[in-house]
């Protein structure tokens, strides 16, 4: 397929479930999504490549999948920062926010900060027990837009798809994270996701991003 833009999104999440959604800064939710389900969500090392450009995004040849369990922390945590973007205090605050989200809504937010290919990749699937209630937030500035999301099917039914692209556009663009810092982008995104998930479902749910 044709490639537009110089950067690509690589989410190393292997899950043969066509209900999951992978979202970058911009996404063409028509034929491209159907093709993605058929050709990308395979029971192999999944890396979804999405061009980040000013126009519609198209799938391209996938980079090599990564599986490095040695990069996983020794004890369980919902926040894995192999890139060193977050301070210990920031990780603690984000982990507490994630705990509250899960207790209130049942949805599981998980945050992975990385610089591809320096990532545990596929290993996070089992480590986090990724399922249809899980949002995997991959923060990776090497992709251009630092905010990338893998959204479970149950989450997809409750959160408008446009929310993820708007969130990436606001806090994930290269101008924002270069000026504010990678940590600021991550914290702002987590706060926005928390606010969204706490809202009751409806036609205007998650319509604003603060």
N, C-alpha and C. Protein backbone atom coordinates (compact mmCIF):
# COMPACT_ATOMS: atom_id res chain seq x y z
N UNK A 1 0.83 -1.19 0.00
CA UNK A 1 0.00 0.00 0.00
C UNK A 1 0.87 1.25 0.00
N UNK A 2 0.29 2.36 -0.38
CA UNK A 2 1.03 3.61 -0.40
C UNK A 2 1.30 4.10 1.00
N UNK A 3 2.39 4.80 1.17
CA UNK A 3 2.77 5.37 2.45
C UNK A 3 2.73 6.87 2.36
N UNK A 4 2.11 7.51 3.35
CA UNK A 4 2.09 8.95 3.41
C UNK A 4 2.62 9.37 4.76
N UNK A 5 3.67 10.18 4.78
CA UNK A 5 4.27 10.63 6.03
C UNK A 5 5.52 9.84 6.34
N UNK A 6 6.37 10.40 7.18
CA UNK A 6 7.67 9.79 7.42
C UNK A 6 7.69 8.92 8.65
N UNK A 7 6.69 9.04 9.51
CA UNK A 7 6.71 8.31 10.77
C UNK A 7 5.67 7.20 10.76
N UNK A 8 5.87 6.20 11.58
CA UNK A 8 4.89 5.13 11.69
C UNK A 8 4.70 4.72 13.12
N UNK A 9 3.51 4.22 13.40
CA UNK A 9 3.17 3.75 14.74
C UNK A 9 3.41 2.25 14.82
N UNK A 10 4.19 1.83 15.79
CA UNK A 10 4.44 0.40 15.97
C UNK A 10 3.96 0.00 17.34
N UNK A 11 2.83 -0.70 17.43
CA UNK A 11 2.30 -1.20 18.68
C UNK A 11 2.47 -2.70 18.69
N UNK A 12 3.38 -3.19 19.48
CA UNK A 12 3.66 -4.63 19.49
C UNK A 12 2.70 -5.33 20.43
N UNK A 13 1.46 -5.47 20.02
CA UNK A 13 0.44 -6.15 20.81
C UNK A 13 -0.18 -7.23 19.95
N UNK A 14 0.09 -8.47 20.27
CA UNK A 14 -0.44 -9.58 19.49
C UNK A 14 -1.73 -10.04 20.13
N UNK A 15 -2.86 -9.74 19.48
CA UNK A 15 -4.15 -10.20 19.99
C UNK A 15 -5.06 -10.48 18.82
N UNK A 16 -5.36 -11.76 18.53
CA UNK A 16 -6.19 -12.10 17.37
C UNK A 16 -7.66 -11.82 17.63
N UNK A 17 -7.98 -10.55 17.93
CA UNK A 17 -9.35 -10.16 18.24
C UNK A 17 -9.69 -8.97 17.38
N UNK A 18 -10.56 -9.16 16.41
CA UNK A 18 -10.85 -8.09 15.47
C UNK A 18 -11.59 -6.94 16.11
N UNK A 19 -12.08 -7.12 17.37
CA UNK A 19 -12.79 -6.04 18.04
C UNK A 19 -11.88 -4.96 18.58
N UNK A 20 -10.56 -5.21 18.68
CA UNK A 20 -9.67 -4.22 19.23
C UNK A 20 -9.39 -3.13 18.19
N UNK A 21 -9.09 -1.94 18.69
CA UNK A 21 -8.81 -0.82 17.80
C UNK A 21 -7.43 -0.27 18.12
N UNK A 22 -6.66 0.02 17.10
CA UNK A 22 -5.37 0.68 17.28
C UNK A 22 -5.48 2.06 16.68
N UNK A 23 -5.11 3.08 17.44
CA UNK A 23 -5.36 4.44 17.04
C UNK A 23 -4.09 5.25 17.07
N UNK A 24 -3.85 6.03 16.03
CA UNK A 24 -2.74 6.98 16.02
C UNK A 24 -3.32 8.38 15.98
N UNK A 25 -2.49 9.36 15.67
CA UNK A 25 -2.96 10.73 15.70
C UNK A 25 -4.11 10.97 14.74
N UNK A 26 -4.06 10.33 13.60
CA UNK A 26 -5.16 10.43 12.63
C UNK A 26 -5.43 9.04 12.10
N UNK A 27 -6.68 8.77 11.80
CA UNK A 27 -7.03 7.41 11.37
C UNK A 27 -8.18 7.45 10.38
N UNK A 28 -8.03 6.74 9.30
CA UNK A 28 -9.10 6.64 8.32
C UNK A 28 -9.94 5.43 8.70
N UNK A 29 -11.09 5.65 9.32
CA UNK A 29 -11.88 4.56 9.91
C UNK A 29 -12.80 3.89 8.89
N UNK A 30 -12.47 3.71 7.73
CA UNK A 30 -13.33 3.03 6.77
C UNK A 30 -12.72 1.73 6.33
N UNK A 31 -12.41 1.70 5.06
CA UNK A 31 -11.84 0.50 4.48
C UNK A 31 -10.53 0.11 5.14
N UNK A 32 -9.76 1.12 5.58
CA UNK A 32 -8.47 0.82 6.20
C UNK A 32 -8.63 -0.02 7.45
N UNK A 33 -9.68 0.23 8.24
CA UNK A 33 -9.87 -0.54 9.46
C UNK A 33 -10.22 -1.97 9.14
N UNK A 34 -11.06 -2.17 8.12
CA UNK A 34 -11.41 -3.53 7.75
C UNK A 34 -10.18 -4.28 7.24
N UNK A 35 -9.34 -3.59 6.48
CA UNK A 35 -8.11 -4.23 6.03
C UNK A 35 -7.19 -4.53 7.20
N UNK A 36 -7.18 -3.61 8.18
CA UNK A 36 -6.33 -3.83 9.35
C UNK A 36 -6.75 -5.08 10.10
N UNK A 37 -8.05 -5.27 10.25
CA UNK A 37 -8.53 -6.45 10.97
C UNK A 37 -8.10 -7.73 10.26
N UNK A 38 -8.15 -7.70 8.92
CA UNK A 38 -7.84 -8.91 8.18
C UNK A 38 -6.36 -9.17 8.08
N UNK A 39 -5.56 -8.10 7.89
CA UNK A 39 -4.16 -8.32 7.56
C UNK A 39 -3.19 -7.97 8.67
N UNK A 40 -3.64 -7.27 9.72
CA UNK A 40 -2.72 -6.84 10.76
C UNK A 40 -2.93 -7.59 12.06
N UNK A 41 -4.17 -7.80 12.47
CA UNK A 41 -4.42 -8.46 13.74
C UNK A 41 -4.25 -9.96 13.56
N UNK A 42 -3.01 -10.41 13.55
CA UNK A 42 -2.66 -11.79 13.29
C UNK A 42 -2.07 -12.41 14.55
N UNK A 43 -2.18 -13.72 14.72
CA UNK A 43 -1.58 -14.38 15.88
C UNK A 43 -0.08 -14.53 15.71
N UNK A 44 0.59 -13.41 15.50
CA UNK A 44 2.04 -13.37 15.35
C UNK A 44 2.50 -12.10 16.01
N UNK A 45 3.74 -11.68 15.78
CA UNK A 45 4.25 -10.46 16.40
C UNK A 45 3.58 -9.27 15.75
N UNK A 46 2.55 -8.74 16.41
CA UNK A 46 1.76 -7.67 15.82
C UNK A 46 2.46 -6.34 15.96
N UNK A 47 2.67 -5.67 14.85
CA UNK A 47 3.13 -4.28 14.86
C UNK A 47 2.27 -3.54 13.85
N UNK A 48 1.40 -2.67 14.33
CA UNK A 48 0.54 -1.91 13.44
C UNK A 48 1.24 -0.64 13.03
N UNK A 49 1.46 -0.47 11.75
CA UNK A 49 2.14 0.72 11.26
C UNK A 49 1.14 1.66 10.63
N UNK A 50 1.06 2.86 11.16
CA UNK A 50 0.14 3.85 10.66
C UNK A 50 0.90 5.12 10.35
N UNK A 51 0.83 5.59 9.13
CA UNK A 51 1.55 6.81 8.77
C UNK A 51 0.92 8.00 9.45
N UNK A 52 1.74 8.89 10.00
CA UNK A 52 1.26 10.11 10.62
C UNK A 52 1.53 11.25 9.65
N UNK A 53 0.49 11.81 9.11
CA UNK A 53 0.67 12.86 8.12
C UNK A 53 -0.48 13.83 8.20
N UNK A 54 -0.46 14.84 7.35
CA UNK A 54 -1.53 15.83 7.34
C UNK A 54 -2.77 15.32 6.64
N UNK A 55 -2.66 14.22 5.94
CA UNK A 55 -3.80 13.65 5.23
C UNK A 55 -4.25 12.36 5.88
N UNK A 56 -5.14 11.60 5.24
CA UNK A 56 -5.62 10.34 5.78
C UNK A 56 -4.46 9.37 5.97
N UNK A 57 -4.56 8.54 7.00
CA UNK A 57 -3.48 7.60 7.27
C UNK A 57 -3.73 6.28 6.55
N UNK A 58 -2.65 5.65 6.12
CA UNK A 58 -2.73 4.39 5.41
C UNK A 58 -1.77 3.39 6.05
N UNK A 59 -2.12 2.11 5.98
CA UNK A 59 -1.24 1.09 6.51
C UNK A 59 -0.06 0.88 5.59
N UNK A 60 1.11 0.54 6.19
CA UNK A 60 2.28 0.25 5.40
C UNK A 60 2.87 -1.07 5.89
N UNK A 61 3.97 -1.48 5.28
CA UNK A 61 4.64 -2.70 5.71
C UNK A 61 5.03 -2.57 7.17
N UNK A 62 4.77 -3.62 7.95
CA UNK A 62 4.98 -3.55 9.38
C UNK A 62 6.44 -3.73 9.74
N UNK A 63 6.95 -2.96 10.74
CA UNK A 63 8.29 -3.21 11.23
C UNK A 63 8.31 -4.51 12.03
N UNK A 64 9.50 -4.98 12.31
CA UNK A 64 9.64 -6.23 13.04
C UNK A 64 9.04 -6.12 14.43
N UNK A 65 8.28 -7.14 14.83
CA UNK A 65 7.71 -7.16 16.16
C UNK A 65 8.79 -7.34 17.21
N UNK A 66 8.52 -6.89 18.43
CA UNK A 66 9.49 -6.95 19.51
C UNK A 66 8.90 -7.75 20.67
N UNK A 67 9.73 -8.61 21.25
CA UNK A 67 9.32 -9.37 22.43
C UNK A 67 10.52 -9.47 23.36
N UNK A 68 10.58 -8.56 24.33
CA UNK A 68 11.71 -8.50 25.24
C UNK A 68 11.22 -8.53 26.70
N UNK A 69 10.85 -9.70 27.19
CA UNK A 69 10.36 -9.78 28.58
C UNK A 69 11.38 -9.33 29.60
N UNK A 70 12.66 -9.32 29.24
CA UNK A 70 13.69 -8.88 30.17
C UNK A 70 13.57 -7.40 30.51
N UNK A 71 12.82 -6.64 29.70
CA UNK A 71 12.61 -5.23 29.98
C UNK A 71 11.41 -4.98 30.89
N UNK A 72 10.67 -6.01 31.24
CA UNK A 72 9.55 -5.86 32.14
C UNK A 72 10.05 -5.64 33.57
N UNK A 73 9.32 -4.88 34.37
CA UNK A 73 9.71 -4.72 35.78
C UNK A 73 9.53 -6.04 36.54
N UNK A 74 10.22 -6.17 37.67
CA UNK A 74 10.17 -7.42 38.42
C UNK A 74 8.83 -7.61 39.13
N UNK A 75 8.21 -6.52 39.52
CA UNK A 75 6.91 -6.61 40.17
C UNK A 75 5.86 -5.90 39.33
N UNK A 76 4.59 -6.24 39.56
CA UNK A 76 3.51 -5.71 38.73
C UNK A 76 3.35 -4.21 38.92
N UNK A 77 3.11 -3.53 37.83
CA UNK A 77 2.81 -2.10 37.84
C UNK A 77 2.01 -1.78 36.58
N UNK A 78 1.04 -0.86 36.66
CA UNK A 78 0.30 -0.48 35.45
C UNK A 78 1.03 0.53 34.59
N UNK A 79 2.19 0.99 35.08
CA UNK A 79 2.99 1.97 34.34
C UNK A 79 4.40 1.40 34.15
N UNK A 80 4.78 1.23 32.88
CA UNK A 80 6.13 0.75 32.56
C UNK A 80 6.84 1.85 31.77
N UNK A 81 7.93 2.36 32.33
CA UNK A 81 8.65 3.46 31.70
C UNK A 81 10.07 3.01 31.38
N UNK A 82 10.25 2.35 30.26
CA UNK A 82 11.59 1.91 29.86
C UNK A 82 12.37 3.05 29.21
N UNK A 83 11.69 4.15 28.90
CA UNK A 83 12.35 5.30 28.27
C UNK A 83 12.85 6.32 29.29
N UNK A 84 12.39 6.23 30.53
CA UNK A 84 12.83 7.15 31.56
C UNK A 84 12.23 8.54 31.46
N UNK A 85 11.01 8.64 30.96
CA UNK A 85 10.37 9.94 30.82
C UNK A 85 9.77 10.45 32.13
N UNK A 86 9.37 9.55 33.00
CA UNK A 86 8.63 9.91 34.20
C UNK A 86 9.49 9.79 35.45
N UNK A 87 9.26 10.71 36.39
CA UNK A 87 9.90 10.60 37.68
C UNK A 87 9.16 9.55 38.51
N UNK A 88 9.76 9.14 39.62
CA UNK A 88 9.11 8.17 40.50
C UNK A 88 7.79 8.71 41.01
N UNK A 89 7.76 10.01 41.33
CA UNK A 89 6.53 10.62 41.80
C UNK A 89 5.44 10.65 40.75
N UNK A 90 5.82 10.94 39.51
CA UNK A 90 4.85 10.95 38.42
C UNK A 90 4.29 9.55 38.18
N UNK A 91 5.15 8.55 38.19
CA UNK A 91 4.67 7.18 38.02
C UNK A 91 3.68 6.82 39.11
N UNK A 92 3.97 7.23 40.35
CA UNK A 92 3.06 6.94 41.46
C UNK A 92 1.71 7.60 41.29
N UNK A 93 1.71 8.86 40.87
CA UNK A 93 0.44 9.57 40.67
C UNK A 93 -0.38 8.94 39.55
N UNK A 94 0.29 8.59 38.47
CA UNK A 94 -0.42 7.96 37.35
C UNK A 94 -0.98 6.60 37.77
N UNK A 95 -0.19 5.82 38.50
CA UNK A 95 -0.65 4.51 38.96
C UNK A 95 -1.87 4.65 39.88
N UNK A 96 -1.87 5.67 40.73
CA UNK A 96 -3.02 5.90 41.61
C UNK A 96 -4.26 6.29 40.81
N UNK A 97 -4.07 7.14 39.81
CA UNK A 97 -5.20 7.53 38.95
C UNK A 97 -5.76 6.32 38.22
N UNK A 98 -4.87 5.46 37.73
CA UNK A 98 -5.30 4.24 37.03
C UNK A 98 -6.09 3.34 37.97
N UNK A 99 -5.64 3.21 39.20
CA UNK A 99 -6.35 2.39 40.19
C UNK A 99 -7.76 2.91 40.42
N UNK A 100 -7.89 4.23 40.55
CA UNK A 100 -9.21 4.82 40.77
C UNK A 100 -10.12 4.63 39.55
N UNK A 101 -9.56 4.78 38.36
CA UNK A 101 -10.35 4.56 37.14
C UNK A 101 -10.90 3.14 37.12
N UNK A 102 -10.04 2.18 37.41
CA UNK A 102 -10.46 0.78 37.35
C UNK A 102 -11.52 0.47 38.39
N UNK A 103 -11.37 1.02 39.59
CA UNK A 103 -12.35 0.78 40.65
C UNK A 103 -13.70 1.39 40.31
N UNK A 104 -13.70 2.54 39.66
CA UNK A 104 -14.95 3.24 39.36
C UNK A 104 -15.63 2.73 38.09
N UNK A 105 -14.84 2.34 37.09
CA UNK A 105 -15.41 2.03 35.78
C UNK A 105 -15.22 0.59 35.32
N UNK A 106 -14.24 -0.10 35.86
CA UNK A 106 -13.93 -1.45 35.40
C UNK A 106 -12.97 -1.47 34.22
N UNK A 107 -12.70 -0.30 33.65
CA UNK A 107 -11.76 -0.23 32.53
C UNK A 107 -10.33 -0.15 33.05
N UNK A 108 -9.41 -0.79 32.33
CA UNK A 108 -8.03 -0.89 32.76
C UNK A 108 -7.13 -0.09 31.83
N UNK A 109 -6.59 0.99 32.35
CA UNK A 109 -5.63 1.78 31.59
C UNK A 109 -4.22 1.30 31.94
N UNK A 110 -3.40 1.07 30.93
CA UNK A 110 -2.02 0.66 31.12
C UNK A 110 -1.12 1.56 30.28
N UNK A 111 -0.03 2.00 30.86
CA UNK A 111 0.84 2.99 30.21
C UNK A 111 2.23 2.40 29.99
N UNK A 112 2.68 2.45 28.74
CA UNK A 112 4.02 2.00 28.37
C UNK A 112 4.75 3.17 27.70
N UNK A 113 5.84 3.63 28.33
CA UNK A 113 6.67 4.68 27.74
C UNK A 113 7.92 4.02 27.16
N UNK A 114 8.18 4.26 25.89
CA UNK A 114 9.23 3.54 25.19
C UNK A 114 9.84 4.39 24.10
N UNK A 115 10.95 3.91 23.57
CA UNK A 115 11.53 4.40 22.33
C UNK A 115 11.75 3.18 21.45
N UNK A 116 10.85 2.94 20.52
CA UNK A 116 10.93 1.75 19.67
C UNK A 116 12.27 1.70 18.96
N UNK A 117 12.95 0.53 18.93
CA UNK A 117 12.50 -0.80 19.36
C UNK A 117 12.89 -1.18 20.79
N UNK A 118 13.28 -0.20 21.60
CA UNK A 118 13.61 -0.49 22.99
C UNK A 118 12.32 -0.57 23.80
N UNK A 119 11.70 -1.72 23.77
CA UNK A 119 10.38 -1.92 24.38
C UNK A 119 10.19 -3.39 24.70
N UNK A 120 9.44 -3.72 25.77
CA UNK A 120 9.13 -5.13 26.02
C UNK A 120 8.21 -5.72 24.97
N UNK A 121 7.52 -4.87 24.22
CA UNK A 121 6.69 -5.33 23.12
C UNK A 121 5.64 -6.34 23.52
N UNK A 122 5.64 -7.49 22.85
CA UNK A 122 4.62 -8.51 23.08
C UNK A 122 4.53 -8.96 24.52
N UNK A 123 5.61 -8.83 25.26
CA UNK A 123 5.63 -9.33 26.64
C UNK A 123 4.62 -8.63 27.53
N UNK A 124 4.20 -7.42 27.17
CA UNK A 124 3.25 -6.70 28.02
C UNK A 124 1.86 -7.32 27.98
N UNK A 125 1.56 -8.06 26.92
CA UNK A 125 0.23 -8.66 26.79
C UNK A 125 -0.07 -9.58 27.96
N UNK A 126 0.85 -10.48 28.27
CA UNK A 126 0.65 -11.41 29.38
C UNK A 126 0.88 -10.72 30.71
N UNK A 127 1.85 -9.84 30.76
CA UNK A 127 2.18 -9.13 32.00
C UNK A 127 0.97 -8.35 32.51
N UNK A 128 0.26 -7.68 31.60
CA UNK A 128 -0.89 -6.88 31.96
C UNK A 128 -2.22 -7.59 31.80
N UNK A 129 -2.19 -8.82 31.30
CA UNK A 129 -3.45 -9.55 31.05
C UNK A 129 -4.40 -8.70 30.20
N UNK A 130 -3.91 -8.26 29.08
CA UNK A 130 -4.67 -7.37 28.21
C UNK A 130 -5.95 -8.06 27.73
N UNK A 131 -7.09 -7.39 27.89
CA UNK A 131 -8.36 -7.95 27.45
C UNK A 131 -9.22 -6.84 26.85
N UNK A 132 -10.51 -7.13 26.65
CA UNK A 132 -11.39 -6.18 25.97
C UNK A 132 -11.71 -4.94 26.80
N UNK A 133 -11.38 -4.97 28.08
CA UNK A 133 -11.59 -3.80 28.94
C UNK A 133 -10.32 -2.96 29.10
N UNK A 134 -9.30 -3.29 28.33
CA UNK A 134 -7.99 -2.65 28.52
C UNK A 134 -7.70 -1.60 27.46
N UNK A 135 -7.14 -0.49 27.92
CA UNK A 135 -6.58 0.54 27.04
C UNK A 135 -5.07 0.49 27.25
N UNK A 136 -4.34 0.16 26.22
CA UNK A 136 -2.88 0.21 26.29
C UNK A 136 -2.44 1.53 25.64
N UNK A 137 -1.86 2.38 26.45
CA UNK A 137 -1.39 3.70 26.03
C UNK A 137 0.12 3.60 25.84
N UNK A 138 0.56 3.69 24.60
CA UNK A 138 1.98 3.61 24.27
C UNK A 138 2.49 5.03 23.98
N UNK A 139 3.41 5.50 24.83
CA UNK A 139 4.01 6.82 24.64
C UNK A 139 5.38 6.64 24.02
N UNK A 140 5.52 7.06 22.77
CA UNK A 140 6.77 6.84 22.05
C UNK A 140 7.04 8.02 21.13
N UNK A 141 7.96 8.93 21.50
CA UNK A 141 8.22 10.11 20.67
C UNK A 141 8.91 9.80 19.36
N UNK A 142 9.50 8.62 19.24
CA UNK A 142 10.16 8.28 17.98
C UNK A 142 9.16 8.12 16.84
N UNK A 143 7.88 8.08 17.19
CA UNK A 143 6.83 7.93 16.18
C UNK A 143 6.30 9.26 15.68
N UNK A 144 6.85 10.37 16.20
CA UNK A 144 6.36 11.68 15.80
C UNK A 144 5.30 12.16 16.75
N UNK A 145 4.13 11.53 16.71
CA UNK A 145 3.09 11.80 17.70
C UNK A 145 3.32 10.83 18.85
N UNK A 146 3.46 11.36 20.05
CA UNK A 146 3.87 10.53 21.19
C UNK A 146 2.73 9.69 21.75
N UNK A 147 1.48 10.05 21.45
CA UNK A 147 0.34 9.36 22.05
C UNK A 147 -0.27 8.36 21.08
N UNK A 148 -0.25 7.09 21.46
CA UNK A 148 -0.79 6.01 20.63
C UNK A 148 -1.55 5.05 21.54
N UNK A 149 -2.67 4.52 21.04
CA UNK A 149 -3.56 3.74 21.89
C UNK A 149 -4.01 2.45 21.22
N UNK A 150 -4.07 1.40 22.01
CA UNK A 150 -4.67 0.14 21.59
C UNK A 150 -5.88 -0.05 22.49
N UNK A 151 -7.07 -0.03 21.91
CA UNK A 151 -8.31 0.07 22.67
C UNK A 151 -9.10 -1.22 22.59
N UNK A 152 -9.46 -1.79 23.74
CA UNK A 152 -10.24 -3.01 23.78
C UNK A 152 -11.66 -2.81 23.27
N UNK A 153 -12.30 -3.91 22.87
CA UNK A 153 -13.63 -3.85 22.25
C UNK A 153 -14.67 -3.24 23.18
N UNK A 154 -14.62 -3.57 24.47
CA UNK A 154 -15.61 -3.03 25.41
C UNK A 154 -15.42 -1.53 25.59
N UNK A 155 -14.19 -1.08 25.61
CA UNK A 155 -13.91 0.35 25.70
C UNK A 155 -14.42 1.04 24.45
N UNK A 156 -14.22 0.41 23.32
CA UNK A 156 -14.61 0.99 22.03
C UNK A 156 -16.12 1.23 21.97
N UNK A 157 -16.89 0.43 22.68
CA UNK A 157 -18.34 0.60 22.69
C UNK A 157 -18.77 1.79 23.54
N UNK A 158 -17.90 2.22 24.46
CA UNK A 158 -18.26 3.28 25.40
C UNK A 158 -17.58 4.61 25.13
N UNK A 159 -16.47 4.59 24.41
CA UNK A 159 -15.73 5.83 24.15
C UNK A 159 -15.73 6.09 22.65
N UNK A 160 -16.20 7.28 22.22
CA UNK A 160 -16.19 7.59 20.78
C UNK A 160 -14.79 7.49 20.21
N UNK A 161 -14.67 6.92 19.03
CA UNK A 161 -13.35 6.76 18.42
C UNK A 161 -12.66 8.09 18.17
N UNK A 162 -13.46 9.11 17.94
CA UNK A 162 -12.87 10.43 17.68
C UNK A 162 -12.12 10.96 18.89
N UNK A 163 -12.47 10.49 20.08
CA UNK A 163 -11.79 10.97 21.29
C UNK A 163 -10.29 10.72 21.22
N UNK A 164 -9.90 9.52 20.77
CA UNK A 164 -8.49 9.15 20.78
C UNK A 164 -7.68 9.98 19.79
N UNK A 165 -8.24 10.24 18.62
CA UNK A 165 -7.52 11.04 17.64
C UNK A 165 -7.44 12.50 18.10
N UNK A 166 -8.50 13.01 18.73
CA UNK A 166 -8.46 14.38 19.24
C UNK A 166 -7.45 14.50 20.38
N UNK A 167 -7.40 13.50 21.23
CA UNK A 167 -6.45 13.50 22.34
C UNK A 167 -5.01 13.50 21.82
N UNK A 168 -4.74 12.64 20.85
CA UNK A 168 -3.40 12.59 20.27
C UNK A 168 -3.05 13.90 19.57
N UNK A 169 -4.04 14.49 18.90
CA UNK A 169 -3.80 15.74 18.21
C UNK A 169 -3.50 16.89 19.16
N UNK A 170 -4.11 16.88 20.34
CA UNK A 170 -3.93 17.99 21.28
C UNK A 170 -2.65 17.87 22.10
N UNK A 171 -2.41 16.69 22.66
CA UNK A 171 -1.28 16.53 23.59
C UNK A 171 -0.13 15.70 23.03
N UNK A 172 -0.32 15.08 21.88
CA UNK A 172 0.71 14.20 21.37
C UNK A 172 1.54 14.74 20.24
N UNK A 173 1.13 15.88 19.69
CA UNK A 173 1.86 16.40 18.53
C UNK A 173 3.27 16.82 18.93
N UNK A 174 4.15 16.80 17.96
CA UNK A 174 5.58 17.01 18.22
C UNK A 174 5.86 18.39 18.82
N UNK A 175 5.07 19.38 18.47
CA UNK A 175 5.29 20.71 19.02
C UNK A 175 4.98 20.74 20.51
N UNK A 176 3.93 20.03 20.92
CA UNK A 176 3.54 20.02 22.34
C UNK A 176 4.59 19.32 23.18
N UNK A 177 4.95 18.07 22.81
CA UNK A 177 5.83 17.34 23.70
C UNK A 177 7.27 17.85 23.67
N UNK A 178 7.68 18.47 22.58
CA UNK A 178 9.02 19.05 22.56
C UNK A 178 9.09 20.30 23.44
N UNK A 179 7.99 21.04 23.52
CA UNK A 179 7.97 22.24 24.34
C UNK A 179 7.73 21.91 25.81
N UNK A 180 6.76 21.03 26.07
CA UNK A 180 6.36 20.73 27.45
C UNK A 180 7.12 19.57 28.06
N UNK A 181 7.59 18.65 27.22
CA UNK A 181 8.24 17.45 27.71
C UNK A 181 7.38 16.22 27.52
N UNK A 182 8.02 15.07 27.36
CA UNK A 182 7.27 13.82 27.19
C UNK A 182 6.40 13.52 28.39
N UNK A 183 6.93 13.83 29.59
CA UNK A 183 6.16 13.55 30.81
C UNK A 183 4.87 14.36 30.87
N UNK A 184 4.92 15.60 30.40
CA UNK A 184 3.72 16.44 30.39
C UNK A 184 2.67 15.88 29.45
N UNK A 185 3.09 15.40 28.29
CA UNK A 185 2.15 14.79 27.35
C UNK A 185 1.48 13.57 27.96
N UNK A 186 2.28 12.74 28.62
CA UNK A 186 1.74 11.51 29.22
C UNK A 186 0.75 11.85 30.33
N UNK A 187 1.13 12.76 31.22
CA UNK A 187 0.24 13.11 32.34
C UNK A 187 -1.05 13.77 31.85
N UNK A 188 -0.94 14.64 30.85
CA UNK A 188 -2.14 15.29 30.31
C UNK A 188 -3.07 14.27 29.68
N UNK A 189 -2.50 13.30 28.96
CA UNK A 189 -3.32 12.28 28.31
C UNK A 189 -4.02 11.40 29.35
N UNK A 190 -3.30 11.01 30.39
CA UNK A 190 -3.91 10.18 31.44
C UNK A 190 -5.06 10.93 32.11
N UNK A 191 -4.86 12.22 32.39
CA UNK A 191 -5.92 13.02 33.01
C UNK A 191 -7.15 13.10 32.11
N UNK A 192 -6.93 13.28 30.81
CA UNK A 192 -8.04 13.37 29.87
C UNK A 192 -8.78 12.04 29.75
N UNK A 193 -8.03 10.94 29.73
CA UNK A 193 -8.66 9.61 29.66
C UNK A 193 -9.46 9.35 30.91
N UNK A 194 -8.91 9.71 32.06
CA UNK A 194 -9.63 9.53 33.33
C UNK A 194 -10.94 10.30 33.32
N UNK A 195 -10.89 11.55 32.89
CA UNK A 195 -12.10 12.37 32.83
C UNK A 195 -13.13 11.77 31.89
N UNK A 196 -12.67 11.28 30.75
CA UNK A 196 -13.56 10.68 29.76
C UNK A 196 -14.24 9.43 30.31
N UNK A 197 -13.47 8.53 30.90
CA UNK A 197 -14.02 7.26 31.36
C UNK A 197 -14.98 7.44 32.54
N UNK A 198 -14.82 8.52 33.28
CA UNK A 198 -15.71 8.78 34.42
C UNK A 198 -17.06 9.35 33.99
N UNK A 199 -17.14 9.83 32.75
CA UNK A 199 -18.40 10.39 32.27
C UNK A 199 -19.41 9.29 31.96
N UNK A 200 -20.69 9.53 32.21
CA UNK A 200 -21.70 8.52 31.82
C UNK A 200 -21.76 8.42 30.31
N UNK A 201 -21.99 7.21 29.79
CA UNK A 201 -22.06 7.05 28.33
C UNK A 201 -23.23 7.83 27.75
N UNK A 202 -23.05 8.31 26.54
CA UNK A 202 -24.10 9.07 25.87
C UNK A 202 -23.54 9.72 24.64
N UNK A 203 -24.41 10.40 23.87
CA UNK A 203 -23.97 10.99 22.60
C UNK A 203 -22.89 12.06 22.76
N UNK A 204 -22.80 12.71 23.93
CA UNK A 204 -21.83 13.74 24.13
C UNK A 204 -20.70 13.31 25.06
N UNK A 205 -20.61 12.02 25.35
CA UNK A 205 -19.56 11.53 26.22
C UNK A 205 -18.19 11.80 25.60
N UNK A 206 -17.26 12.25 26.42
CA UNK A 206 -15.88 12.49 26.00
C UNK A 206 -15.80 13.48 24.84
N UNK A 207 -16.72 14.42 24.79
CA UNK A 207 -16.75 15.37 23.69
C UNK A 207 -15.76 16.51 23.87
N UNK A 208 -15.29 16.71 25.09
CA UNK A 208 -14.32 17.77 25.35
C UNK A 208 -13.05 17.20 25.94
N UNK A 209 -11.94 17.85 25.66
CA UNK A 209 -10.64 17.48 26.22
C UNK A 209 -10.06 18.72 26.87
N UNK A 210 -9.85 18.67 28.16
CA UNK A 210 -9.33 19.84 28.88
C UNK A 210 -7.81 19.88 28.82
